[in-house]
PDB file of N, CA and C in Angstrom:
ATOM      1  N   MET A   1     -16.797  80.380 238.183  1.00  0.00           N
ATOM      2  CA  MET A   1     -17.083  78.959 238.026  1.00  0.00           C
ATOM      3  C   MET A   1     -17.781  78.576 237.082  1.00  0.00           C
ATOM      4  N   SER A   2     -18.424  77.669 236.318  1.00  0.00           N
ATOM      5  CA  SER A   2     -18.954  77.274 235.192  1.00  0.00           C
ATOM      6  C   SER A   2     -19.598  75.992 235.550  1.00  0.00           C
ATOM      7  N   ILE A   3     -20.825  75.705 235.472  1.00  0.00           N
ATOM      8  CA  ILE A   3     -21.795  74.972 235.864  1.00  0.00           C
ATOM      9  C   ILE A   3     -22.064  74.599 234.119  1.00  0.00           C
ATOM     10  N   SER A   4     -22.366  73.260 234.383  1.00  0.00           N
ATOM     11  CA  SER A   4     -22.715  72.398 232.955  1.00  0.00           C
ATOM     12  C   SER A   4     -24.006  71.127 233.099  1.00  0.00           C
ATOM     13  N   ILE A   5     -25.129  71.441 232.827  1.00  0.00           N
ATOM     14  CA  ILE A   5     -26.172  70.631 232.560  1.00  0.00           C
ATOM     15  C   ILE A   5     -26.384  70.015 231.272  1.00  0.00           C
ATOM     16  N   ASP A   6     -25.559  68.842 230.849  1.00  0.00           N
ATOM     17  CA  ASP A   6     -25.940  68.518 229.320  1.00  0.00           C
ATOM     18  C   ASP A   6     -25.702  66.670 229.564  1.00  0.00           C
ATOM     19  N   PRO A   7     -26.335  66.060 228.741  1.00  0.00           N
ATOM     20  CA  PRO A   7     -27.629  66.522 228.308  1.00  0.00           C
ATOM     21  C   PRO A   7     -28.967  66.635 229.337  1.00  0.00           C
ATOM     22  N   ILE A   8     -29.956  67.136 228.663  1.00  0.00           N
ATOM     23  CA  ILE A   8     -31.157  67.214 229.648  1.00  0.00           C
ATOM     24  C   ILE A   8     -32.339  66.910 228.154  1.00  0.00           C
ATOM     25  N   SER A   9     -32.954  65.815 228.516  1.00  0.00           N
ATOM     26  CA  SER A   9     -33.988  65.031 227.933  1.00  0.00           C
ATOM     27  C   SER A   9     -34.884  65.583 227.566  1.00  0.00           C
ATOM     28  N   ARG A  10     -35.288  65.927 226.171  1.00  0.00           N
ATOM     29  CA  ARG A  10     -36.366  66.218 225.530  1.00  0.00           C
ATOM     30  C   ARG A  10     -37.019  65.033 224.615  1.00  0.00           C
ATOM     31  N   ILE A  11     -37.891  65.358 224.304  1.00  0.00           N
ATOM     32  CA  ILE A  11     -38.824  64.366 223.111  1.00  0.00           C
ATOM     33  C   ILE A  11     -37.906  64.652 221.948  1.00  0.00           C
ATOM     34  N   GLU A  12     -37.242  65.231 221.683  1.00  0.00           N
ATOM     35  CA  GLU A  12     -36.730  64.993 219.946  1.00  0.00           C
ATOM     36  C   GLU A  12     -35.732  65.793 220.389  1.00  0.00           C
ATOM     37  N   GLY A  13     -34.223  65.232 220.515  1.00  0.00           N
ATOM     38  CA  GLY A  13     -33.095  66.197 220.922  1.00  0.00           C
ATOM     39  C   GLY A  13     -32.670  65.943 222.121  1.00  0.00           C
ATOM     40  N   HIS A  14     -31.668  66.594 222.301  1.00  0.00           N
ATOM     41  CA  HIS A  14     -31.099  66.803 224.105  1.00  0.00           C
ATOM     42  C   HIS A  14     -30.945  68.578 223.771  1.00  0.00           C
ATOM     43  N   LEU A  15     -30.957  68.578 225.051  1.00  0.00           N
ATOM     44  CA  LEU A  15     -30.602  70.164 225.667  1.00  0.00           C
ATOM     45  C   LEU A  15     -29.878  70.197 226.448  1.00  0.00           C
ATOM     46  N   GLY A  16     -28.781  71.790 226.018  1.00  0.00           N
ATOM     47  CA  GLY A  16     -27.754  71.886 227.204  1.00  0.00           C
ATOM     48  C   GLY A  16     -27.957  73.245 227.364  1.00  0.00           C
ATOM     49  N   ILE A  17     -27.509  73.270 228.935  1.00  0.00           N
ATOM     50  CA  ILE A  17     -27.933  74.654 229.927  1.00  0.00           C
ATOM     51  C   ILE A  17     -25.983  74.607 229.729  1.00  0.00           C
ATOM     52  N   GLU A  18     -25.452  75.947 230.226  1.00  0.00           N
ATOM     53  CA  GLU A  18     -24.261  76.472 230.589  1.00  0.00           C
ATOM     54  C   GLU A  18     -24.499  77.628 231.293  1.00  0.00           C
ATOM     55  N   LEU A  19     -24.174  77.577 233.141  1.00  0.00           N
ATOM     56  CA  LEU A  19     -23.859  79.248 234.000  1.00  0.00           C
ATOM     57  C   LEU A  19     -23.083  79.307 233.603  1.00  0.00           C
ATOM     58  N   GLU A  20     -22.297  80.295 234.393  1.00  0.00           N
ATOM     59  CA  GLU A  20     -21.326  81.164 234.846  1.00  0.00           C
ATOM     60  C   GLU A  20     -21.694  81.505 236.121  1.00  0.00           C
ATOM     61  N   VAL A  21     -21.003  81.107 236.959  1.00  0.00           N
ATOM     62  CA  VAL A  21     -21.597  81.728 238.093  1.00  0.00           C
ATOM     63  C   VAL A  21     -20.553  82.237 238.983  1.00  0.00           C
ATOM     64  N   ASN A  22     -20.741  83.883 239.500  1.00  0.00           N
ATOM     65  CA  ASN A  22     -19.687  84.341 240.654  1.00  0.00           C
ATOM     66  C   ASN A  22     -19.537  84.181 242.059  1.00  0.00           C
ATOM     67  N   GLY A  23     -18.325  84.452 242.445  1.00  0.00           N
ATOM     68  CA  GLY A  23     -17.827  83.971 244.059  1.00  0.00           C
ATOM     69  C   GLY A  23     -19.387  84.427 244.782  1.00  0.00           C
ATOM     70  N   SER A  24     -19.871  84.984 244.795  1.00  0.00           N
ATOM     71  CA  SER A  24     -21.445  85.065 245.644  1.00  0.00           C
ATOM     72  C   SER A  24     -22.461  84.456 244.880  1.00  0.00           C
ATOM     73  N   ASN A  25     -22.405  83.099 244.317  1.00  0.00           N
ATOM     74  CA  ASN A  25     -23.252  82.479 243.683  1.00  0.00           C
ATOM     75  C   ASN A  25     -24.580  83.096 242.987  1.00  0.00           C
ATOM     76  N   ALA A  26     -24.043  84.154 242.197  1.00  0.00           N
ATOM     77  CA  ALA A  26     -24.907  84.454 241.492  1.00  0.00           C
ATOM     78  C   ALA A  26     -24.594  84.612 240.019  1.00  0.00           C
ATOM     79  N   VAL A  27     -25.843  83.916 238.676  1.00  0.00           N
ATOM     80  CA  VAL A  27     -25.524  83.885 237.986  1.00  0.00           C
ATOM     81  C   VAL A  27     -24.885  85.345 236.873  1.00  0.00           C
ATOM     82  N   THR A  28     -23.719  85.272 236.258  1.00  0.00           N
ATOM     83  CA  THR A  28     -23.426  86.214 235.404  1.00  0.00           C
ATOM     84  C   THR A  28     -23.627  86.162 234.094  1.00  0.00           C
ATOM     85  N   ALA A  29     -23.803  84.749 233.505  1.00  0.00           N
ATOM     86  CA  ALA A  29     -23.806  84.423 232.075  1.00  0.00           C
ATOM     87  C   ALA A  29     -25.261  82.946 231.999  1.00  0.00           C
ATOM     88  N   ALA A  30     -25.720  83.123 231.225  1.00  0.00           N
ATOM     89  CA  ALA A  30     -26.374  81.832 231.009  1.00  0.00           C
ATOM     90  C   ALA A  30     -26.314  81.547 229.506  1.00  0.00           C
ATOM     91  N   TYR A  31     -25.852  80.036 229.040  1.00  0.00           N
ATOM     92  CA  TYR A  31     -26.143  79.585 228.059  1.00  0.00           C
ATOM     93  C   TYR A  31     -26.789  78.399 227.274  1.00  0.00           C
ATOM     94  N   CYS A  32     -27.261  78.452 225.934  1.00  0.00           N
ATOM     95  CA  CYS A  32     -28.571  77.301 226.233  1.00  0.00           C
ATOM     96  C   CYS A  32     -28.112  76.640 224.755  1.00  0.00           C
ATOM     97  N   LYS A  33     -28.016  75.370 224.378  1.00  0.00           N
ATOM     98  CA  LYS A  33     -28.145  74.868 223.380  1.00  0.00           C
ATOM     99  C   LYS A  33     -28.632  73.602 223.047  1.00  0.00           C
ATOM    100  N   GLY A  34     -28.913  73.131 222.063  1.00  0.00           N
ATOM    101  CA  GLY A  34     -29.985  72.159 221.741  1.00  0.00           C
ATOM    102  C   GLY A  34     -29.637  71.639 220.441  1.00  0.00           C
ATOM    103  N   THR A  35     -29.650  70.179 220.022  1.00  0.00           N
ATOM    104  CA  THR A  35     -28.918  69.375 218.986  1.00  0.00           C
ATOM    105  C   THR A  35     -30.016  69.685 218.054  1.00  0.00           C
ATOM    106  N   MET A  36     -31.221  69.598 218.098  1.00  0.00           N
ATOM    107  CA  MET A  36     -31.812  69.932 216.798  1.00  0.00           C
ATOM    108  C   MET A  36     -32.629  71.002 216.802  1.00  0.00           C
ATOM    109  N   PHE A  37     -32.808  71.721 215.627  1.00  0.00           N
ATOM    110  CA  PHE A  37     -33.290  73.088 215.306  1.00  0.00           C
ATOM    111  C   PHE A  37     -34.618  72.658 214.730  1.00  0.00           C
ATOM    112  N   ARG A  38     -35.599  73.253 215.224  1.00  0.00           N
ATOM    113  CA  ARG A  38     -37.157  72.952 215.101  1.00  0.00           C
ATOM    114  C   ARG A  38     -37.868  74.126 214.194  1.00  0.00           C
ATOM    115  N   GLY A  39     -37.201  75.538 214.247  1.00  0.00           N
ATOM    116  CA  GLY A  39     -37.383  76.599 213.628  1.00  0.00           C
ATOM    117  C   GLY A  39     -38.704  77.558 214.550  1.00  0.00           C
ATOM    118  N   PHE A  40     -38.853  76.496 216.187  1.00  0.00           N
ATOM    119  CA  PHE A  40     -39.857  77.634 216.893  1.00  0.00           C
ATOM    120  C   PHE A  40     -39.658  78.542 217.190  1.00  0.00           C
ATOM    121  N   GLU A  41     -38.332  79.021 217.385  1.00  0.00           N
ATOM    122  CA  GLU A  41     -38.006  80.230 217.687  1.00  0.00           C
ATOM    123  C   GLU A  41     -38.466  81.031 216.377  1.00  0.00           C
ATOM    124  N   LEU A  42     -38.247  81.074 215.087  1.00  0.00           N
ATOM    125  CA  LEU A  42     -38.463  82.217 214.199  1.00  0.00           C
ATOM    126  C   LEU A  42     -39.877  82.224 214.231  1.00  0.00           C
ATOM    127  N   ILE A  43     -40.578  81.241 214.744  1.00  0.00           N
ATOM    128  CA  ILE A  43     -42.299  81.375 214.884  1.00  0.00           C
ATOM    129  C   ILE A  43     -42.340  82.084 215.979  1.00  0.00           C
ATOM    130  N   LEU A  44     -41.704  81.971 217.013  1.00  0.00           N
ATOM    131  CA  LEU A  44     -41.677  83.190 218.014  1.00  0.00           C
ATOM    132  C   LEU A  44     -41.570  84.165 218.378  1.00  0.00           C
ATOM    133  N   GLN A  45     -40.843  85.151 217.593  1.00  0.00           N
ATOM    134  CA  GLN A  45     -39.914  86.215 217.314  1.00  0.00           C
ATOM    135  C   GLN A  45     -41.055  87.144 217.795  1.00  0.00           C
ATOM    136  N   ASN A  46     -40.996  88.087 218.117  1.00  0.00           N
ATOM    137  CA  ASN A  46     -41.876  89.275 218.193  1.00  0.00           C
ATOM    138  C   ASN A  46     -42.785  88.795 219.236  1.00  0.00           C
ATOM    139  N   ARG A  47     -43.252  87.945 219.653  1.00  0.00           N
ATOM    140  CA  ARG A  47     -44.734  87.582 220.122  1.00  0.00           C
ATOM    141  C   ARG A  47     -44.596  87.286 221.693  1.00  0.00           C
ATOM    142  N   ASN A  48     -45.917  87.553 222.245  1.00  0.00           N
ATOM    143  CA  ASN A  48     -45.852  87.364 223.786  1.00  0.00           C
ATOM    144  C   ASN A  48     -45.121  86.153 223.821  1.00  0.00           C
ATOM    145  N   PRO A  49     -44.497  85.933 225.124  1.00  0.00           N
ATOM    146  CA  PRO A  49     -44.014  84.802 225.397  1.00  0.00           C
ATOM    147  C   PRO A  49     -44.727  83.545 225.908  1.00  0.00           C
ATOM    148  N   ARG A  50     -46.210  84.323 226.680  1.00  0.00           N
ATOM    149  CA  ARG A  50     -47.126  83.212 226.880  1.00  0.00           C
ATOM    150  C   ARG A  50     -47.631  82.671 225.183  1.00  0.00           C
ATOM    151  N   ASP A  51     -47.811  83.216 224.530  1.00  0.00           N
ATOM    152  CA  ASP A  51     -47.898  82.399 223.115  1.00  0.00           C
ATOM    153  C   ASP A  51     -47.088  81.069 222.830  1.00  0.00           C
ATOM    154  N   ALA A  52     -45.807  80.978 223.230  1.00  0.00           N
ATOM    155  CA  ALA A  52     -44.885  79.845 223.101  1.00  0.00           C
ATOM    156  C   ALA A  52     -45.880  78.683 223.795  1.00  0.00           C
ATOM    157  N   VAL A  53     -46.762  78.808 224.788  1.00  0.00           N
ATOM    158  CA  VAL A  53     -47.430  77.053 225.114  1.00  0.00           C
ATOM    159  C   VAL A  53     -48.315  76.802 224.360  1.00  0.00           C
ATOM    160  N   ILE A  54     -49.436  77.622 223.640  1.00  0.00           N
ATOM    161  CA  ILE A  54     -50.499  77.169 223.106  1.00  0.00           C
ATOM    162  C   ILE A  54     -49.802  76.480 221.263  1.00  0.00           C
ATOM    163  N   LEU A  55     -48.766  77.657 221.006  1.00  0.00           N
ATOM    164  CA  LEU A  55     -48.294  77.428 219.740  1.00  0.00           C
ATOM    165  C   LEU A  55     -47.465  75.925 219.010  1.00  0.00           C
ATOM    166  N   THR A  56     -46.493  75.938 220.196  1.00  0.00           N
ATOM    167  CA  THR A  56     -45.172  74.814 220.188  1.00  0.00           C
ATOM    168  C   THR A  56     -46.519  73.560 220.751  1.00  0.00           C
ATOM    169  N   GLN A  57     -47.233  73.310 221.357  1.00  0.00           N
ATOM    170  CA  GLN A  57     -47.806  72.267 221.741  1.00  0.00           C
ATOM    171  C   GLN A  57     -48.599  71.394 220.529  1.00  0.00           C
ATOM    172  N   ARG A  58     -49.074  72.828 219.822  1.00  0.00           N
ATOM    173  CA  ARG A  58     -50.191  72.075 218.598  1.00  0.00           C
ATOM    174  C   ARG A  58     -48.847  71.935 217.344  1.00  0.00           C
ATOM    175  N   ILE A  59     -48.106  72.396 217.313  1.00  0.00           N
ATOM    176  CA  ILE A  59     -47.122  72.605 216.244  1.00  0.00           C
ATOM    177  C   ILE A  59     -46.217  70.867 216.268  1.00  0.00           C
ATOM    178  N   CYS A  60     -45.893  70.696 217.601  1.00  0.00           N
ATOM    179  CA  CYS A  60     -44.894  69.669 217.974  1.00  0.00           C
ATOM    180  C   CYS A  60     -46.173  68.064 217.862  1.00  0.00           C
ATOM    181  N   GLY A  61     -47.316  68.409 218.522  1.00  0.00           N
ATOM    182  CA  GLY A  61     -48.140  67.412 218.423  1.00  0.00           C
ATOM    183  C   GLY A  61     -48.141  66.505 220.026  1.00  0.00           C
ATOM    184  N   VAL A  62     -47.550  66.895 221.015  1.00  0.00           N
ATOM    185  CA  VAL A  62     -47.129  66.710 221.531  1.00  0.00           C
ATOM    186  C   VAL A  62     -48.213  66.958 222.882  1.00  0.00           C
TER     187      VAL A  62
END
């Protein structure tokens, strides 16, 4: 079974999530797509995931 949640509103652009779920309701695959590339992903590569909260709020200004 496939579950799609699209769009998920964000401040800039939309986000889409797709999940593949097996018969026992366990997620077997998950995909995320965004309509606007802002480059945060490149800045956050090889960093501690907890850095994302601090860095992205300062870049975004929200």
